[in-house]
Amino acid sequence: MHFAPGWEARLRAVGLNTFEAAFLCKRGTLVRRSGSSEVRRIELEGDGEAEPRVLFLKKYWVARRAQLRSRVFRGTLFGASKVRREFSNLLLLNAWQRSEAAPVAFGEERRAGWLWRSFLITTGIAGAMAVDAFIRDVLPHLPAAARRSSRRELLQQVAGLTREMHARQFTHGDLYWRNMIIAEDDLARISLIDMPRGRRHAQVLSVAARARDLAALDAPATGFFRRTERLRFLLEYRQTRCLDASGKELIRQVLKLAAPMRRRQLDHVGVEAAEHTGGSTAETALC
């Protein structure tokens, strides 16, 4: 096990300071479970020295031996495990003040070098709402003026967050709307979560590296945002009023990568109809 500074004593007090205790924990609420993973929400009561906190406990295990072979170079045998990568990435994002979800602890169990069980504990975010839920469930019901201003602010905040992350040579790897969390209805407090594929690159990001993150954001956008808004987002991301040749090349790559993801991401955010406000942002990328 590895603990973030200041957390070992708190976890010991609630009996979660050993690998077996944490992995077998049934406390709290089951959020999600599959054949080889589980997520639980746990509320810690406050005491004289610590405030009440919400923790999320993610568990992963090998259910089939085929998992060992398919992930041999992704932490199962070689390289860092998913929980170790996400723990490290959250430390970075916390240092940059770009996530209010803090890493608490992670644990790994290996047998003859092979990873069989692992878990990650992180803190929750106050008043958390995923960006996809905000766009789908909140924006449509706001008064017209508030809806327009919220749409603009949301695009600006997400563009700024993505720009800053990429300026630090970091890519998220799963930058879908569900992995951005708004705290307490404040669009200025958007946190990044779920980033086991995130990585910090040794060199300035290529167009292709940036396009992969931007494509994940654009994939469901055709169901909710106009082409002009999608273009405005990219202009805000690039901090320019006009797209030059490199900007248009970025748009082409984003659209190419987003196209095969659109149907699945639109389904995920609950859009049943076909794309209705879509179209190529490249068509309007002229100044």
Protein backbone atom coordinates (compact mmCIF):
# COMPACT_ATOMS: atom_id res chain seq x y z
CA MET A 1 0.00 0.00 0.00
CA HIS A 2 0.98 3.61 -0.52
CA PHE A 3 -0.65 6.52 1.32
CA ALA A 4 -0.86 10.18 0.41
CA PRO A 5 0.64 12.42 3.12
CA GLY A 6 -1.66 12.77 6.13
CA TRP A 7 -4.00 9.90 5.25
CA GLU A 8 -2.49 6.79 6.84
CA ALA A 9 -3.66 7.63 10.36
CA ARG A 10 -7.17 8.57 9.16
CA LEU A 11 -7.53 5.27 7.30
CA ARG A 12 -6.16 3.34 10.27
CA ALA A 13 -8.82 4.88 12.47
CA VAL A 14 -11.57 3.45 10.24
CA GLY A 15 -9.85 0.13 9.59
CA LEU A 16 -8.86 0.74 5.97
CA ASN A 17 -5.10 0.88 6.39
CA THR A 18 -4.26 -2.62 5.13
CA PHE A 19 -4.61 -4.03 1.64
CA GLU A 20 -6.98 -6.82 2.63
CA ALA A 21 -9.23 -4.56 4.71
CA ALA A 22 -9.53 -1.99 1.93
CA PHE A 23 -10.03 -4.49 -0.87
CA LEU A 24 -12.69 -6.50 0.99
CA CYS A 25 -14.47 -3.38 2.28
CA LYS A 26 -18.26 -3.48 1.88
CA ARG A 27 -18.94 -0.16 3.58
CA GLY A 28 -20.82 2.66 1.97
CA THR A 29 -22.81 2.59 -1.25
CA LEU A 30 -22.08 0.45 -4.28
CA VAL A 31 -21.80 2.87 -7.21
CA ARG A 32 -20.84 0.50 -10.00
CA ARG A 33 -19.77 -3.11 -10.39
CA SER A 34 -18.65 -5.26 -13.31
CA GLY A 35 -17.09 -8.68 -13.61
CA SER A 36 -13.65 -7.37 -12.67
CA SER A 37 -14.14 -4.00 -10.95
CA GLU A 38 -16.19 -2.20 -8.35
CA VAL A 39 -16.63 1.37 -7.13
CA ARG A 40 -17.92 2.23 -3.65
CA ARG A 41 -18.81 5.57 -2.07
CA ILE A 42 -17.83 5.77 1.61
CA GLU A 43 -18.68 8.56 4.04
CA LEU A 44 -16.22 9.20 6.86
CA GLU A 45 -17.62 10.92 9.91
CA GLY A 46 -15.78 13.90 11.33
CA ASP A 47 -14.11 14.04 14.69
CA GLY A 48 -12.24 16.59 16.72
CA GLU A 49 -9.27 16.59 14.34
CA ALA A 50 -10.75 15.83 10.91
CA GLU A 51 -13.76 17.00 8.93
CA PRO A 52 -16.31 14.60 7.43
CA ARG A 53 -15.14 13.37 4.05
CA VAL A 54 -16.51 11.34 1.18
CA LEU A 55 -14.16 8.74 -0.31
CA PHE A 56 -14.42 6.68 -3.47
CA LEU A 57 -12.91 3.21 -3.41
CA LYS A 58 -12.16 1.62 -6.79
CA LYS A 59 -11.27 -2.08 -6.87
CA TYR A 60 -9.90 -4.11 -9.75
CA TRP A 61 -9.24 -7.85 -9.94
CA VAL A 62 -8.41 -10.54 -12.47
CA ALA A 63 -11.56 -12.45 -13.36
CA ARG A 64 -10.14 -14.28 -16.39
CA ARG A 65 -6.60 -15.24 -17.26
CA ALA A 66 -7.07 -13.57 -20.64
CA GLN A 67 -6.93 -10.25 -18.75
CA LEU A 68 -3.36 -11.03 -17.76
CA ARG A 69 -2.28 -11.51 -21.37
CA SER A 70 -4.14 -8.49 -22.74
CA ARG A 71 -2.66 -6.13 -20.14
CA VAL A 72 0.82 -7.56 -19.86
CA PHE A 73 2.42 -4.26 -20.95
CA ARG A 74 -0.15 -2.07 -19.20
CA GLY A 75 0.80 -2.72 -15.61
CA THR A 76 -0.20 -6.37 -15.18
CA LEU A 77 3.44 -7.43 -15.53
CA PHE A 78 5.36 -4.55 -17.08
CA GLY A 79 4.86 -0.85 -16.46
CA ALA A 80 2.81 0.99 -13.85
CA SER A 81 -0.60 -0.34 -12.86
CA LYS A 82 -3.83 1.55 -13.50
CA VAL A 83 -4.19 2.55 -9.84
CA ARG A 84 -0.58 3.69 -9.57
CA ARG A 85 -0.89 5.80 -12.74
CA GLU A 86 -4.13 7.42 -11.63
CA PHE A 87 -2.73 8.13 -8.16
CA SER A 88 0.31 9.86 -9.69
CA ASN A 89 -1.80 11.79 -12.19
CA LEU A 90 -4.12 13.05 -9.47
CA LEU A 91 -1.11 14.26 -7.52
CA LEU A 92 -0.08 16.30 -10.57
CA LEU A 93 -3.57 17.71 -11.15
CA ASN A 94 -3.86 18.64 -7.48
CA ALA A 95 -0.52 20.45 -7.63
CA TRP A 96 -1.81 22.38 -10.65
CA GLN A 97 -5.14 23.04 -8.85
CA ARG A 98 -7.03 21.36 -11.67
CA SER A 99 -8.82 18.69 -9.66
CA GLU A 100 -10.59 18.83 -6.32
CA ALA A 101 -10.49 15.04 -6.13
CA ALA A 102 -7.37 14.17 -4.14
CA PRO A 103 -5.51 10.84 -4.08
CA VAL A 104 -5.69 9.09 -0.71
CA ALA A 105 -4.11 5.65 -1.12
CA PHE A 106 -3.57 2.77 -3.51
CA GLY A 107 -2.68 -0.87 -3.07
CA GLU A 108 -1.48 -3.71 -5.28
CA GLU A 109 -1.29 -7.45 -4.82
CA ARG A 110 1.10 -9.31 -7.12
CA ARG A 111 1.75 -13.00 -7.50
CA ALA A 112 5.05 -13.96 -9.12
CA GLY A 113 5.17 -10.41 -10.50
CA TRP A 114 1.64 -10.51 -11.98
CA LEU A 115 -0.92 -8.00 -10.74
CA TRP A 116 -4.02 -9.84 -9.45
CA ARG A 117 -5.81 -7.30 -7.27
CA SER A 118 -5.54 -3.56 -6.80
CA PHE A 119 -7.49 -0.61 -5.47
CA LEU A 120 -7.45 3.18 -5.40
CA ILE A 121 -8.99 5.53 -2.84
CA THR A 122 -9.69 9.18 -3.68
CA THR A 123 -11.68 11.96 -2.07
CA GLY A 124 -15.04 13.02 -3.41
CA ILE A 125 -15.89 16.47 -4.77
CA ALA A 126 -18.39 18.69 -2.96
CA GLY A 127 -21.71 19.01 -4.77
CA ALA A 128 -20.37 16.98 -7.67
CA MET A 129 -22.10 17.00 -11.05
CA ALA A 130 -20.55 15.61 -14.21
CA VAL A 131 -20.39 17.96 -17.19
CA ASP A 132 -22.51 15.58 -19.27
CA ALA A 133 -25.30 15.69 -16.66
CA PHE A 134 -25.09 19.49 -16.48
CA ILE A 135 -25.37 19.86 -20.25
CA ARG A 136 -28.17 17.33 -20.59
CA ASP A 137 -30.25 17.95 -17.44
CA VAL A 138 -29.55 21.50 -16.26
CA LEU A 139 -28.79 23.74 -19.24
CA PRO A 140 -32.07 23.12 -21.13
CA HIS A 141 -34.16 24.22 -18.12
CA LEU A 142 -32.40 27.51 -17.39
CA PRO A 143 -34.00 30.82 -18.41
CA ALA A 144 -32.89 31.87 -21.88
CA ALA A 145 -30.40 34.53 -20.75
CA ALA A 146 -28.89 32.29 -18.06
CA ARG A 147 -28.72 29.41 -20.54
CA ARG A 148 -26.77 31.50 -23.08
CA SER A 149 -24.31 32.81 -20.50
CA SER A 150 -23.84 29.34 -18.96
CA ARG A 151 -23.15 27.81 -22.37
CA ARG A 152 -20.50 30.46 -23.07
CA GLU A 153 -18.90 30.11 -19.66
CA LEU A 154 -18.86 26.32 -19.84
CA LEU A 155 -17.12 26.37 -23.22
CA GLN A 156 -14.60 28.92 -21.95
CA GLN A 157 -13.86 26.99 -18.76
CA VAL A 158 -13.42 23.63 -20.50
CA ALA A 159 -11.29 25.20 -23.24
CA GLY A 160 -9.10 26.91 -20.63
CA LEU A 161 -8.73 23.75 -18.58
CA THR A 162 -7.76 21.71 -21.64
CA ARG A 163 -5.38 24.41 -22.89
CA GLU A 164 -3.59 24.62 -19.54
CA MET A 165 -3.33 20.84 -19.25
CA HIS A 166 -1.84 20.58 -22.74
CA ALA A 167 0.50 23.51 -22.09
CA ARG A 168 1.95 21.42 -19.27
CA GLN A 169 2.45 18.60 -21.81
CA PHE A 170 -0.16 16.43 -20.13
CA THR A 171 -2.87 14.49 -21.96
CA HIS A 172 -5.85 12.97 -20.16
CA GLY A 173 -6.50 10.04 -22.48
CA ASP A 174 -10.21 9.78 -21.55
CA LEU A 175 -11.34 13.40 -21.71
CA TYR A 176 -15.04 12.61 -22.00
CA TRP A 177 -17.69 14.89 -20.49
CA ARG A 178 -18.38 12.39 -17.69
CA ASN A 179 -14.78 12.72 -16.50
CA MET A 180 -15.10 16.45 -15.82
CA ILE A 181 -16.87 17.32 -12.58
CA ILE A 182 -18.48 20.64 -11.63
CA ALA A 183 -18.29 21.41 -7.91
CA GLU A 184 -21.29 23.03 -6.23
CA ASP A 185 -22.79 24.41 -9.45
CA ASP A 186 -19.72 26.61 -9.99
CA LEU A 187 -18.51 26.41 -13.58
CA ALA A 188 -15.19 27.90 -12.51
CA ARG A 189 -14.59 24.76 -10.42
CA ILE A 190 -14.32 21.97 -12.98
CA SER A 191 -12.19 19.02 -11.92
CA LEU A 192 -10.66 16.25 -13.98
CA ILE A 193 -11.13 12.68 -12.76
CA ASP A 194 -10.63 9.09 -13.98
CA MET A 195 -7.28 9.46 -15.70
CA PRO A 196 -5.38 6.16 -15.59
CA ARG A 197 -4.44 6.79 -19.24
CA GLY A 198 -3.17 10.28 -18.53
CA ARG A 199 0.51 10.95 -19.10
CA ARG A 200 2.97 13.78 -19.09
CA HIS A 201 4.94 13.91 -22.32
CA ALA A 202 8.64 14.64 -22.51
CA GLN A 203 8.25 17.00 -25.47
CA VAL A 204 5.80 19.64 -26.65
CA LEU A 205 2.55 17.92 -27.59
CA SER A 206 2.02 17.02 -31.22
CA VAL A 207 -1.16 17.94 -33.07
CA ALA A 208 -2.20 14.28 -32.93
CA ALA A 209 -1.75 14.09 -29.13
CA ARG A 210 -3.86 17.20 -28.57
CA ALA A 211 -6.46 16.09 -31.11
CA ARG A 212 -7.16 12.86 -29.21
CA ASP A 213 -8.29 14.75 -26.10
CA LEU A 214 -10.21 17.33 -28.13
CA ALA A 215 -11.96 14.61 -30.13
CA ALA A 216 -13.28 13.02 -26.93
CA LEU A 217 -14.81 16.39 -26.03
CA ASP A 218 -16.24 16.97 -29.51
CA ALA A 219 -17.72 13.50 -30.02
CA PRO A 220 -21.07 14.18 -28.26
CA ALA A 221 -21.02 17.93 -28.89
CA THR A 222 -23.01 17.72 -32.12
CA GLY A 223 -26.07 16.78 -30.09
CA PHE A 224 -25.94 19.90 -27.93
CA PHE A 225 -23.82 22.67 -29.45
CA ARG A 226 -24.01 24.54 -32.72
CA ARG A 227 -21.12 24.46 -35.19
CA THR A 228 -20.32 28.08 -34.36
CA GLU A 229 -20.07 27.19 -30.66
CA ARG A 230 -17.78 24.26 -31.38
CA LEU A 231 -15.60 26.54 -33.48
CA ARG A 232 -15.62 29.19 -30.72
CA PHE A 233 -14.44 26.49 -28.29
CA LEU A 234 -11.44 25.69 -30.48
CA LEU A 235 -10.62 29.37 -30.94
CA GLU A 236 -10.74 29.80 -27.15
CA TYR A 237 -8.57 26.71 -26.72
CA ARG A 238 -5.99 28.12 -29.15
CA GLN A 239 -6.32 31.67 -27.78
CA THR A 240 -6.84 33.18 -31.20
CA ARG A 241 -9.55 34.97 -33.14
CA CYS A 242 -8.71 33.31 -36.45
CA LEU A 243 -7.63 29.83 -37.51
CA ASP A 244 -4.37 29.55 -39.40
CA ALA A 245 -3.18 26.48 -41.31
CA SER A 246 -2.11 24.64 -38.14
CA GLY A 247 -5.47 25.36 -36.53
CA LYS A 248 -7.34 23.96 -39.50
CA GLU A 249 -5.14 20.87 -39.47
CA LEU A 250 -6.00 20.42 -35.79
CA ILE A 251 -9.72 20.62 -36.64
CA ARG A 252 -9.36 18.04 -39.41
CA GLN A 253 -7.68 15.60 -37.04
CA VAL A 254 -10.22 16.23 -34.28
CA LEU A 255 -13.13 15.55 -36.65
CA LYS A 256 -11.49 12.42 -38.02
CA LEU A 257 -10.94 10.99 -34.54
CA ALA A 258 -14.33 12.10 -33.19
CA ALA A 259 -16.41 10.64 -36.03
CA PRO A 260 -16.25 6.96 -34.99
CA MET A 261 -16.94 7.90 -31.36
CA ARG A 262 -20.01 10.09 -31.94
CA ARG A 263 -22.80 7.54 -31.87
CA ARG A 264 -21.53 5.85 -28.72
CA GLN A 265 -20.92 9.12 -26.89
CA LEU A 266 -24.28 10.56 -27.94
CA ASP A 267 -25.92 7.38 -26.65
CA HIS A 268 -23.97 7.70 -23.42
CA VAL A 269 -25.25 11.21 -22.73
CA GLY A 270 -28.80 10.24 -23.64
CA VAL A 271 -29.29 11.65 -27.13
CA GLU A 272 -31.65 9.26 -28.91
CA ALA A 273 -32.07 11.16 -32.15
CA ALA A 274 -29.43 11.40 -34.83
CA GLU A 275 -27.06 14.34 -34.75
CA HIS A 276 -29.18 17.42 -35.19
CA THR A 277 -26.85 20.36 -34.74
CA GLY A 278 -23.77 18.74 -36.20
CA GLY A 279 -21.69 19.27 -39.26
CA SER A 280 -18.06 19.95 -39.78
CA THR A 281 -16.48 22.74 -37.81
CA ALA A 282 -13.98 22.88 -40.66
CA GLU A 283 -16.76 24.28 -42.86
CA THR A 284 -16.90 27.40 -40.70
CA ALA A 285 -13.20 27.60 -39.94
CA LEU A 286 -12.56 30.63 -42.17
CA CYS A 287 -11.85 34.17 -41.05
